[in-house]
Amino acid sequence: MIRVVFIGGLTNGKIVYEYLEKNEYTDLVLAITYPDDSDKSNHVIFESKNKLIKDNSANKYINEIKKVSPDYIIVAGWSELLSDEVLNAAKSGVIGFHPSKLPQDRGRSVLAWQIAEGYTETALTMFFYNDLPDCGDIIAQEKIIIAFEDTIKDILKKVDAATYNMMVAYYPLLRKGKIPRKEQSLNEGNFRRLRREKDSCIDWNTNSEDVYNLVRAITRPYPGANAVINSTYYKIWKVSIIDFPFGDSVQCGTLVCTLFDESFIVKTRNGFVHITEFEKMGSY
């Protein structure tokens, strides 16, 4: 039996947690997850017969973690940076998941950045933690296709599926002490910053595909894209790219047509987008 502490939340974290809880060779000695009233996107509620701490911080439970003396700590769906004390509390290491082809796209908000920038594929990386974010030894990667019609919700489901696949494939190797490790080069790759409110604002002077990608990158369960049209502030949830016979002389950001279902068409730099799901948020 190996002793494991789980730290995580969200849907992919629950997949890992339930796998560990049911694994006959694992003693899940402690789990830390978000409170039931968490407002994090993709939040789910965890239930367990084992010891379960619900808090937004794992670092302040270092004494509880040390007390159970884990062989491994496994992390999934957790945004907090773990302290050096927590990282050093597991005898054999801390293992987590990151939704990119490490060493590319280390850091925060990576799926939203990738979709907004038009990536056609990414990966889920299983790796060992070290004292630098997303820089530890790589265990494995599973490719994830980002189809043109995929939204962030679709990609999160693909990440969930990849998470399960990787636990099934590599956790038995970890348990047997045969887990692969490939060192990352710190001279390669890039870091992503946390997205801010300004990153959610549609710039109508960009191309239609840029607008489309931004909207699908941060639609539900994420906060949605912001836009100003005719001095009205909107929350935009869904758009499509269309051909519209209005000509290039129309100013970018102009609402050129409202349809019978109250959806509308707006001019971009190189064409038009059809806004089909939205909320009016008030005057700008």
C-alpha atoms as a PDB file:
ATOM      1  CA  MET A   1       0.000   0.000   0.000  1.00  0.00           C
ATOM      2  CA  ILE A   2       1.197   3.505  -0.738  1.00  0.00           C
ATOM      3  CA  ARG A   3       0.066   6.431   1.344  1.00  0.00           C
ATOM      4  CA  VAL A   4      -1.278   9.346  -0.682  1.00  0.00           C
ATOM      5  CA  VAL A   5      -2.450  12.857   0.114  1.00  0.00           C
ATOM      6  CA  PHE A   6      -4.705  14.377  -2.520  1.00  0.00           C
ATOM      7  CA  ILE A   7      -4.945  18.144  -3.071  1.00  0.00           C
ATOM      8  CA  GLY A   8      -7.365  19.395  -5.699  1.00  0.00           C
ATOM      9  CA  GLY A   9     -10.767  20.352  -6.935  1.00  0.00           C
ATOM     10  CA  LEU A  10     -12.853  20.903 -10.051  1.00  0.00           C
ATOM     11  CA  THR A  11     -13.943  18.063 -12.323  1.00  0.00           C
ATOM     12  CA  ASN A  12     -10.480  16.769 -13.207  1.00  0.00           C
ATOM     13  CA  GLY A  13      -9.520  16.762  -9.536  1.00  0.00           C
ATOM     14  CA  LYS A  14     -12.574  14.701  -8.686  1.00  0.00           C
ATOM     15  CA  ILE A  15     -11.569  12.150 -11.326  1.00  0.00           C
ATOM     16  CA  VAL A  16      -8.153  11.741  -9.697  1.00  0.00           C
ATOM     17  CA  TYR A  17      -9.634  11.708  -6.205  1.00  0.00           C
ATOM     18  CA  GLU A  18     -12.198   9.011  -7.007  1.00  0.00           C
ATOM     19  CA  TYR A  19      -9.559   6.891  -8.743  1.00  0.00           C
ATOM     20  CA  LEU A  20      -7.335   7.039  -5.662  1.00  0.00           C
ATOM     21  CA  GLU A  21     -10.214   6.392  -3.287  1.00  0.00           C
ATOM     22  CA  LYS A  22     -11.184   3.207  -5.153  1.00  0.00           C
ATOM     23  CA  ASN A  23      -7.652   1.924  -5.773  1.00  0.00           C
ATOM     24  CA  GLU A  24      -7.047  -1.175  -3.681  1.00  0.00           C
ATOM     25  CA  TYR A  25      -3.311  -0.539  -3.427  1.00  0.00           C
ATOM     26  CA  THR A  26      -3.695   3.023  -2.121  1.00  0.00           C
ATOM     27  CA  ASP A  27      -4.270   4.393   1.351  1.00  0.00           C
ATOM     28  CA  LEU A  28      -5.769   7.843   0.739  1.00  0.00           C
ATOM     29  CA  VAL A  29      -4.790   9.272   4.096  1.00  0.00           C
ATOM     30  CA  LEU A  30      -5.892  12.877   3.565  1.00  0.00           C
ATOM     31  CA  ALA A  31      -7.664  14.986   0.938  1.00  0.00           C
ATOM     32  CA  ILE A  32      -7.872  18.766   0.676  1.00  0.00           C
ATOM     33  CA  THR A  33     -10.390  20.356  -1.677  1.00  0.00           C
ATOM     34  CA  TYR A  34     -12.347  23.581  -2.131  1.00  0.00           C
ATOM     35  CA  PRO A  35     -15.270  24.533   0.136  1.00  0.00           C
ATOM     36  CA  ASP A  36     -18.726  23.509  -1.072  1.00  0.00           C
ATOM     37  CA  ASP A  37     -19.643  27.158  -1.674  1.00  0.00           C
ATOM     38  CA  SER A  38     -16.641  27.817  -3.938  1.00  0.00           C
ATOM     39  CA  ASP A  39     -17.333  30.184  -6.830  1.00  0.00           C
ATOM     40  CA  LYS A  40     -14.596  28.707  -9.012  1.00  0.00           C
ATOM     41  CA  SER A  41     -15.626  27.772 -12.544  1.00  0.00           C
ATOM     42  CA  ASN A  42     -16.051  24.036 -13.106  1.00  0.00           C
ATOM     43  CA  HIS A  43     -16.548  23.564  -9.352  1.00  0.00           C
ATOM     44  CA  VAL A  44     -17.820  20.236  -8.035  1.00  0.00           C
ATOM     45  CA  ILE A  45     -18.599  19.018  -4.528  1.00  0.00           C
ATOM     46  CA  PHE A  46     -16.441  16.258  -3.021  1.00  0.00           C
ATOM     47  CA  GLU A  47     -17.789  13.666  -0.608  1.00  0.00           C
ATOM     48  CA  SER A  48     -15.785  11.010   1.196  1.00  0.00           C
ATOM     49  CA  LYS A  49     -15.643   8.573   4.077  1.00  0.00           C
ATOM     50  CA  ASN A  50     -11.948   9.426   4.423  1.00  0.00           C
ATOM     51  CA  LYS A  51     -10.536  12.526   6.085  1.00  0.00           C
ATOM     52  CA  LEU A  52     -11.513  15.465   3.900  1.00  0.00           C
ATOM     53  CA  ILE A  53     -10.519  19.091   4.537  1.00  0.00           C
ATOM     54  CA  LYS A  54     -12.425  21.780   2.626  1.00  0.00           C
ATOM     55  CA  ASP A  55     -10.512  25.031   2.302  1.00  0.00           C
ATOM     56  CA  ASN A  56      -9.072  27.337  -0.359  1.00  0.00           C
ATOM     57  CA  SER A  57      -5.543  26.809   0.945  1.00  0.00           C
ATOM     58  CA  ALA A  58      -3.615  23.575   1.380  1.00  0.00           C
ATOM     59  CA  ASN A  59      -0.461  25.269   2.647  1.00  0.00           C
ATOM     60  CA  LYS A  60      -1.905  26.045   6.063  1.00  0.00           C
ATOM     61  CA  TYR A  61      -2.487  22.325   6.684  1.00  0.00           C
ATOM     62  CA  ILE A  62       1.188  21.414   6.497  1.00  0.00           C
ATOM     63  CA  ASN A  63       1.111  19.923  10.001  1.00  0.00           C
ATOM     64  CA  GLU A  64      -1.776  17.633   9.069  1.00  0.00           C
ATOM     65  CA  ILE A  65       0.063  16.569   5.903  1.00  0.00           C
ATOM     66  CA  LYS A  66       3.283  15.826   7.767  1.00  0.00           C
ATOM     67  CA  LYS A  67       1.387  13.897  10.420  1.00  0.00           C
ATOM     68  CA  VAL A  68       0.039  11.343   7.906  1.00  0.00           C
ATOM     69  CA  SER A  69       3.520  10.881   6.350  1.00  0.00           C
ATOM     70  CA  PRO A  70       2.516  10.412   2.680  1.00  0.00           C
ATOM     71  CA  ASP A  71       4.600   8.598   0.093  1.00  0.00           C
ATOM     72  CA  TYR A  72       3.122  10.860  -2.598  1.00  0.00           C
ATOM     73  CA  ILE A  73       1.036  13.995  -2.827  1.00  0.00           C
ATOM     74  CA  ILE A  74      -1.094  14.117  -5.980  1.00  0.00           C
ATOM     75  CA  VAL A  75      -2.530  17.432  -7.143  1.00  0.00           C
ATOM     76  CA  ALA A  76      -5.220  18.157  -9.746  1.00  0.00           C
ATOM     77  CA  GLY A  77      -7.507  21.142 -10.286  1.00  0.00           C
ATOM     78  CA  TRP A  78      -5.755  23.353  -7.724  1.00  0.00           C
ATOM     79  CA  SER A  79      -4.618  26.918  -8.446  1.00  0.00           C
ATOM     80  CA  GLU A  80      -2.688  27.687  -5.253  1.00  0.00           C
ATOM     81  CA  LEU A  81       1.116  27.489  -5.444  1.00  0.00           C
ATOM     82  CA  LEU A  82       2.200  24.908  -2.900  1.00  0.00           C
ATOM     83  CA  SER A  83       4.806  25.894  -0.340  1.00  0.00           C
ATOM     84  CA  ASP A  84       8.238  24.282  -0.154  1.00  0.00           C
ATOM     85  CA  GLU A  85       7.154  22.650   3.118  1.00  0.00           C
ATOM     86  CA  VAL A  86       4.260  20.908   1.372  1.00  0.00           C
ATOM     87  CA  LEU A  87       6.442  19.908  -1.586  1.00  0.00           C
ATOM     88  CA  ASN A  88       8.979  18.357   0.777  1.00  0.00           C
ATOM     89  CA  ALA A  89       6.385  16.548   2.907  1.00  0.00           C
ATOM     90  CA  ALA A  90       5.956  13.598   0.521  1.00  0.00           C
ATOM     91  CA  LYS A  91       8.657  10.920   0.665  1.00  0.00           C
ATOM     92  CA  SER A  92       8.635  10.163  -3.059  1.00  0.00           C
ATOM     93  CA  GLY A  93       7.402  13.430  -4.517  1.00  0.00           C
ATOM     94  CA  VAL A  94       4.444  15.563  -5.562  1.00  0.00           C
ATOM     95  CA  ILE A  95       2.723  14.806  -8.866  1.00  0.00           C
ATOM     96  CA  GLY A  96       0.323  17.030 -10.771  1.00  0.00           C
ATOM     97  CA  PHE A  97      -1.221  17.822 -14.141  1.00  0.00           C
ATOM     98  CA  HIS A  98      -0.915  20.831 -16.448  1.00  0.00           C
ATOM     99  CA  PRO A  99      -2.973  21.444 -19.630  1.00  0.00           C
ATOM    100  CA  SER A 100      -0.175  22.211 -22.066  1.00  0.00           C
ATOM    101  CA  LYS A 101       2.733  20.624 -23.909  1.00  0.00           C
ATOM    102  CA  LEU A 102       5.277  21.458 -21.244  1.00  0.00           C
ATOM    103  CA  PRO A 103       7.682  23.184 -21.375  1.00  0.00           C
ATOM    104  CA  GLN A 104       5.396  25.332 -23.536  1.00  0.00           C
ATOM    105  CA  ASP A 105       2.700  27.391 -21.798  1.00  0.00           C
ATOM    106  CA  ARG A 106       3.670  27.065 -18.172  1.00  0.00           C
ATOM    107  CA  GLY A 107       1.710  29.247 -15.798  1.00  0.00           C
ATOM    108  CA  ARG A 108      -1.887  30.434 -15.494  1.00  0.00           C
ATOM    109  CA  SER A 109      -5.065  30.504 -17.609  1.00  0.00           C
ATOM    110  CA  VAL A 110      -3.324  28.438 -20.273  1.00  0.00           C
ATOM    111  CA  LEU A 111      -6.361  26.851 -21.924  1.00  0.00           C
ATOM    112  CA  ALA A 112      -8.016  30.231 -22.405  1.00  0.00           C
ATOM    113  CA  TRP A 113      -4.812  31.674 -23.884  1.00  0.00           C
ATOM    114  CA  GLN A 114      -4.439  28.709 -26.219  1.00  0.00           C
ATOM    115  CA  ILE A 115      -8.003  28.787 -27.557  1.00  0.00           C
ATOM    116  CA  ALA A 116      -7.991  32.585 -27.892  1.00  0.00           C
ATOM    117  CA  GLU A 117      -4.794  32.366 -29.930  1.00  0.00           C
ATOM    118  CA  GLY A 118      -6.216  29.718 -32.250  1.00  0.00           C
ATOM    119  CA  TYR A 119      -4.268  26.649 -31.117  1.00  0.00           C
ATOM    120  CA  THR A 120      -5.401  23.487 -32.888  1.00  0.00           C
ATOM    121  CA  GLU A 121      -3.955  21.143 -30.297  1.00  0.00           C
ATOM    122  CA  THR A 122      -2.541  21.091 -26.811  1.00  0.00           C
ATOM    123  CA  ALA A 123      -1.760  18.324 -24.308  1.00  0.00           C
ATOM    124  CA  LEU A 124      -2.236  17.287 -20.739  1.00  0.00           C
ATOM    125  CA  THR A 125       1.105  16.828 -19.010  1.00  0.00           C
ATOM    126  CA  MET A 126       1.577  14.669 -15.932  1.00  0.00           C
ATOM    127  CA  PHE A 127       4.701  15.796 -14.068  1.00  0.00           C
ATOM    128  CA  PHE A 128       6.595  16.002 -10.796  1.00  0.00           C
ATOM    129  CA  TYR A 129       6.400  19.289  -8.920  1.00  0.00           C
ATOM    130  CA  ASN A 130       9.515  21.191  -7.970  1.00  0.00           C
ATOM    131  CA  ASP A 131      10.088  24.663  -6.539  1.00  0.00           C
ATOM    132  CA  LEU A 132       9.372  26.404  -9.883  1.00  0.00           C
ATOM    133  CA  PRO A 133       5.818  26.397 -11.281  1.00  0.00           C
ATOM    134  CA  ASP A 134       5.273  23.694 -13.938  1.00  0.00           C
ATOM    135  CA  CYS A 135       9.013  23.069 -14.296  1.00  0.00           C
ATOM    136  CA  GLY A 136       9.427  19.605 -12.815  1.00  0.00           C
ATOM    137  CA  ASP A 137      10.251  16.328 -14.532  1.00  0.00           C
ATOM    138  CA  ILE A 138       7.691  15.197 -17.113  1.00  0.00           C
ATOM    139  CA  ILE A 139       6.075  11.787 -16.655  1.00  0.00           C
ATOM    140  CA  ALA A 140       3.885  11.736 -19.775  1.00  0.00           C
ATOM    141  CA  GLN A 141       1.762  13.820 -22.134  1.00  0.00           C
ATOM    142  CA  GLU A 142      -1.522  13.064 -23.874  1.00  0.00           C
ATOM    143  CA  LYS A 143      -2.373  15.114 -26.959  1.00  0.00           C
ATOM    144  CA  ILE A 144      -5.669  17.020 -26.964  1.00  0.00           C
ATOM    145  CA  ILE A 145      -7.152  18.254 -30.242  1.00  0.00           C
ATOM    146  CA  ILE A 146      -8.753  21.705 -30.178  1.00  0.00           C
ATOM    147  CA  ALA A 147     -11.352  21.642 -32.952  1.00  0.00           C
ATOM    148  CA  PHE A 148     -12.445  24.942 -34.486  1.00  0.00           C
ATOM    149  CA  GLU A 149     -15.922  24.572 -32.985  1.00  0.00           C
ATOM    150  CA  ASP A 150     -14.681  23.610 -29.500  1.00  0.00           C
ATOM    151  CA  THR A 151     -15.364  25.967 -26.618  1.00  0.00           C
ATOM    152  CA  ILE A 152     -13.582  26.013 -23.277  1.00  0.00           C
ATOM    153  CA  LYS A 153     -16.283  23.689 -21.941  1.00  0.00           C
ATOM    154  CA  ASP A 154     -15.459  21.111 -24.620  1.00  0.00           C
ATOM    155  CA  ILE A 155     -11.736  21.306 -23.913  1.00  0.00           C
ATOM    156  CA  LEU A 156     -12.268  20.944 -20.165  1.00  0.00           C
ATOM    157  CA  LYS A 157     -14.141  17.703 -20.893  1.00  0.00           C
ATOM    158  CA  LYS A 158     -11.215  16.521 -23.015  1.00  0.00           C
ATOM    159  CA  VAL A 159      -8.830  17.384 -20.184  1.00  0.00           C
ATOM    160  CA  ASP A 160     -10.997  15.327 -17.829  1.00  0.00           C
ATOM    161  CA  ALA A 161     -10.841  12.347 -20.182  1.00  0.00           C
ATOM    162  CA  ALA A 162      -7.063  12.684 -20.541  1.00  0.00           C
ATOM    163  CA  THR A 163      -6.695  12.933 -16.759  1.00  0.00           C
ATOM    164  CA  TYR A 164      -8.468   9.619 -16.293  1.00  0.00           C
ATOM    165  CA  ASN A 165      -6.453   7.984 -19.076  1.00  0.00           C
ATOM    166  CA  MET A 166      -3.176   9.076 -17.529  1.00  0.00           C
ATOM    167  CA  MET A 167      -4.119   7.891 -14.044  1.00  0.00           C
ATOM    168  CA  VAL A 168      -5.051   4.466 -15.426  1.00  0.00           C
ATOM    169  CA  ALA A 169      -1.857   4.233 -17.495  1.00  0.00           C
ATOM    170  CA  TYR A 170       0.757   5.670 -15.126  1.00  0.00           C
ATOM    171  CA  TYR A 171      -0.453   5.344 -11.549  1.00  0.00           C
ATOM    172  CA  PRO A 172       0.285   1.579 -11.513  1.00  0.00           C
ATOM    173  CA  LEU A 173       3.846   2.380 -12.646  1.00  0.00           C
ATOM    174  CA  LEU A 174       4.156   4.945  -9.891  1.00  0.00           C
ATOM    175  CA  ARG A 175       2.975   2.400  -7.362  1.00  0.00           C
ATOM    176  CA  LYS A 176       5.614  -0.085  -8.596  1.00  0.00           C
ATOM    177  CA  GLY A 177       8.379   2.527  -8.591  1.00  0.00           C
ATOM    178  CA  LYS A 178       8.719   2.434 -12.383  1.00  0.00           C
ATOM    179  CA  ILE A 179       7.323   5.848 -13.280  1.00  0.00           C
ATOM    180  CA  PRO A 180       9.188   7.524 -16.192  1.00  0.00           C
ATOM    181  CA  ARG A 181      10.810  10.937 -15.696  1.00  0.00           C
ATOM    182  CA  LYS A 182      12.133  13.390 -18.273  1.00  0.00           C
ATOM    183  CA  GLU A 183      13.848  16.545 -17.092  1.00  0.00           C
ATOM    184  CA  GLN A 184      12.552  19.855 -18.442  1.00  0.00           C
ATOM    185  CA  SER A 185      14.968  22.404 -19.842  1.00  0.00           C
ATOM    186  CA  LEU A 186      14.471  25.764 -18.149  1.00  0.00           C
ATOM    187  CA  ASN A 187      15.851  27.431 -21.279  1.00  0.00           C
ATOM    188  CA  GLU A 188      12.835  26.263 -23.285  1.00  0.00           C
ATOM    189  CA  GLY A 189       9.171  27.156 -23.195  1.00  0.00           C
ATOM    190  CA  ASN A 190       7.233  30.175 -21.956  1.00  0.00           C
ATOM    191  CA  PHE A 191       5.105  31.310 -19.029  1.00  0.00           C
ATOM    192  CA  ARG A 192       1.513  32.544 -19.187  1.00  0.00           C
ATOM    193  CA  ARG A 193       0.187  35.148 -16.783  1.00  0.00           C
ATOM    194  CA  LEU A 194      -3.219  35.046 -15.129  1.00  0.00           C
ATOM    195  CA  ARG A 195      -5.857  36.511 -17.436  1.00  0.00           C
ATOM    196  CA  ARG A 196      -7.438  39.748 -16.252  1.00  0.00           C
ATOM    197  CA  GLU A 197     -10.681  41.564 -17.004  1.00  0.00           C
ATOM    198  CA  LYS A 198      -9.070  43.544 -19.813  1.00  0.00           C
ATOM    199  CA  ASP A 199      -8.166  40.280 -21.574  1.00  0.00           C
ATOM    200  CA  SER A 200     -11.892  39.515 -21.869  1.00  0.00           C
ATOM    201  CA  CYS A 201     -12.703  42.660 -23.873  1.00  0.00           C
ATOM    202  CA  ILE A 202     -13.495  42.222 -27.574  1.00  0.00           C
ATOM    203  CA  ASP A 203     -11.501  44.508 -29.862  1.00  0.00           C
ATOM    204  CA  TRP A 204     -13.645  45.023 -32.952  1.00  0.00           C
ATOM    205  CA  ASN A 205     -10.572  46.167 -34.880  1.00  0.00           C
ATOM    206  CA  THR A 206      -9.321  42.579 -34.940  1.00  0.00           C
ATOM    207  CA  ASN A 207     -10.326  39.874 -37.419  1.00  0.00           C
ATOM    208  CA  SER A 208     -13.554  37.882 -37.144  1.00  0.00           C
ATOM    209  CA  GLU A 209     -11.638  34.731 -36.249  1.00  0.00           C
ATOM    210  CA  ASP A 210      -9.901  36.547 -33.391  1.00  0.00           C
ATOM    211  CA  VAL A 211     -13.277  37.610 -31.991  1.00  0.00           C
ATOM    212  CA  TYR A 212     -14.668  34.101 -32.425  1.00  0.00           C
ATOM    213  CA  ASN A 213     -11.672  32.517 -30.694  1.00  0.00           C
ATOM    214  CA  LEU A 214     -11.822  34.912 -27.761  1.00  0.00           C
ATOM    215  CA  VAL A 215     -15.518  34.258 -27.170  1.00  0.00           C
ATOM    216  CA  ARG A 216     -15.187  30.466 -27.268  1.00  0.00           C
ATOM    217  CA  ALA A 217     -12.089  30.615 -25.043  1.00  0.00           C
ATOM    218  CA  ILE A 218     -13.918  32.221 -22.117  1.00  0.00           C
ATOM    219  CA  THR A 219     -17.579  31.297 -22.581  1.00  0.00           C
ATOM    220  CA  ARG A 220     -19.411  29.270 -19.915  1.00  0.00           C
ATOM    221  CA  PRO A 221     -18.302  28.008 -17.423  1.00  0.00           C
ATOM    222  CA  TYR A 222     -15.804  30.875 -17.645  1.00  0.00           C
ATOM    223  CA  PRO A 223     -16.865  34.534 -17.151  1.00  0.00           C
ATOM    224  CA  GLY A 224     -17.591  35.378 -20.812  1.00  0.00           C
ATOM    225  CA  ALA A 225     -16.324  38.049 -23.215  1.00  0.00           C
ATOM    226  CA  ASN A 226     -17.092  41.737 -22.754  1.00  0.00           C
ATOM    227  CA  ALA A 227     -18.038  44.092 -25.589  1.00  0.00           C
ATOM    228  CA  VAL A 228     -19.270  47.614 -26.198  1.00  0.00           C
ATOM    229  CA  ILE A 229     -21.696  48.009 -29.104  1.00  0.00           C
ATOM    230  CA  ASN A 230     -23.575  51.250 -29.807  1.00  0.00           C
ATOM    231  CA  SER A 231     -22.726  52.569 -26.340  1.00  0.00           C
ATOM    232  CA  THR A 232     -24.190  49.474 -24.677  1.00  0.00           C
ATOM    233  CA  TYR A 233     -22.151  47.055 -22.587  1.00  0.00           C
ATOM    234  CA  TYR A 234     -22.664  43.365 -23.410  1.00  0.00           C
ATOM    235  CA  LYS A 235     -21.595  40.003 -22.069  1.00  0.00           C
ATOM    236  CA  ILE A 236     -21.053  37.804 -25.133  1.00  0.00           C
ATOM    237  CA  TRP A 237     -21.398  34.006 -24.879  1.00  0.00           C
ATOM    238  CA  LYS A 238     -21.534  32.798 -28.471  1.00  0.00           C
ATOM    239  CA  VAL A 239     -20.717  34.128 -31.945  1.00  0.00           C
ATOM    240  CA  SER A 240     -20.261  32.727 -35.434  1.00  0.00           C
ATOM    241  CA  ILE A 241     -18.346  34.045 -38.425  1.00  0.00           C
ATOM    242  CA  ILE A 242     -20.559  34.920 -41.401  1.00  0.00           C
ATOM    243  CA  ASP A 243     -20.448  36.434 -44.870  1.00  0.00           C
ATOM    244  CA  PHE A 244     -22.601  39.552 -45.016  1.00  0.00           C
ATOM    245  CA  PRO A 245     -23.073  41.820 -48.073  1.00  0.00           C
ATOM    246  CA  PHE A 246     -22.493  45.141 -46.353  1.00  0.00           C
ATOM    247  CA  GLY A 247     -19.076  46.076 -47.682  1.00  0.00           C
ATOM    248  CA  ASP A 248     -15.790  47.067 -46.074  1.00  0.00           C
ATOM    249  CA  SER A 249     -16.714  50.712 -45.646  1.00  0.00           C
ATOM    250  CA  VAL A 250     -18.650  49.988 -42.439  1.00  0.00           C
ATOM    251  CA  GLN A 251     -16.778  51.030 -39.285  1.00  0.00           C
ATOM    252  CA  CYS A 252     -15.499  48.246 -37.030  1.00  0.00           C
ATOM    253  CA  GLY A 253     -17.796  47.608 -34.064  1.00  0.00           C
ATOM    254  CA  THR A 254     -20.935  48.782 -35.905  1.00  0.00           C
ATOM    255  CA  LEU A 255     -24.132  46.851 -35.266  1.00  0.00           C
ATOM    256  CA  VAL A 256     -25.287  46.503 -38.858  1.00  0.00           C
ATOM    257  CA  CYS A 257     -28.369  44.318 -38.472  1.00  0.00           C
ATOM    258  CA  THR A 258     -30.716  42.969 -35.773  1.00  0.00           C
ATOM    259  CA  LEU A 259     -32.535  39.757 -36.685  1.00  0.00           C
ATOM    260  CA  PHE A 260     -36.027  38.518 -35.766  1.00  0.00           C
ATOM    261  CA  ASP A 261     -34.694  36.497 -32.805  1.00  0.00           C
ATOM    262  CA  GLU A 262     -32.889  39.597 -31.447  1.00  0.00           C
ATOM    263  CA  SER A 263     -29.467  38.235 -32.391  1.00  0.00           C
ATOM    264  CA  PHE A 264     -27.354  40.739 -34.298  1.00  0.00           C
ATOM    265  CA  ILE A 265     -24.442  41.205 -36.665  1.00  0.00           C
ATOM    266  CA  VAL A 266     -21.370  43.319 -35.939  1.00  0.00           C
ATOM    267  CA  LYS A 267     -18.558  44.483 -38.216  1.00  0.00           C
ATOM    268  CA  THR A 268     -14.994  43.354 -37.519  1.00  0.00           C
ATOM    269  CA  ARG A 269     -11.783  44.368 -39.264  1.00  0.00           C
ATOM    270  CA  ASN A 270     -12.106  41.801 -42.022  1.00  0.00           C
ATOM    271  CA  GLY A 271     -15.780  40.830 -41.994  1.00  0.00           C
ATOM    272  CA  PHE A 272     -18.763  40.199 -39.733  1.00  0.00           C
ATOM    273  CA  VAL A 273     -19.746  38.074 -36.740  1.00  0.00           C
ATOM    274  CA  HIS A 274     -23.223  36.932 -35.765  1.00  0.00           C
ATOM    275  CA  ILE A 275     -23.806  37.315 -32.008  1.00  0.00           C
ATOM    276  CA  THR A 276     -26.325  34.690 -30.969  1.00  0.00           C
ATOM    277  CA  GLU A 277     -25.992  34.418 -27.171  1.00  0.00           C
ATOM    278  CA  PHE A 278     -25.506  37.538 -25.079  1.00  0.00           C
ATOM    279  CA  GLU A 279     -26.644  39.617 -22.128  1.00  0.00           C
ATOM    280  CA  LYS A 280     -27.152  43.379 -22.050  1.00  0.00           C
ATOM    281  CA  MET A 281     -25.307  44.705 -19.032  1.00  0.00           C
ATOM    282  CA  GLY A 282     -26.254  48.394 -19.266  1.00  0.00           C
ATOM    283  CA  SER A 283     -25.108  51.649 -20.832  1.00  0.00           C
ATOM    284  CA  TYR A 284     -21.414  52.242 -21.397  1.00  0.00           C
END
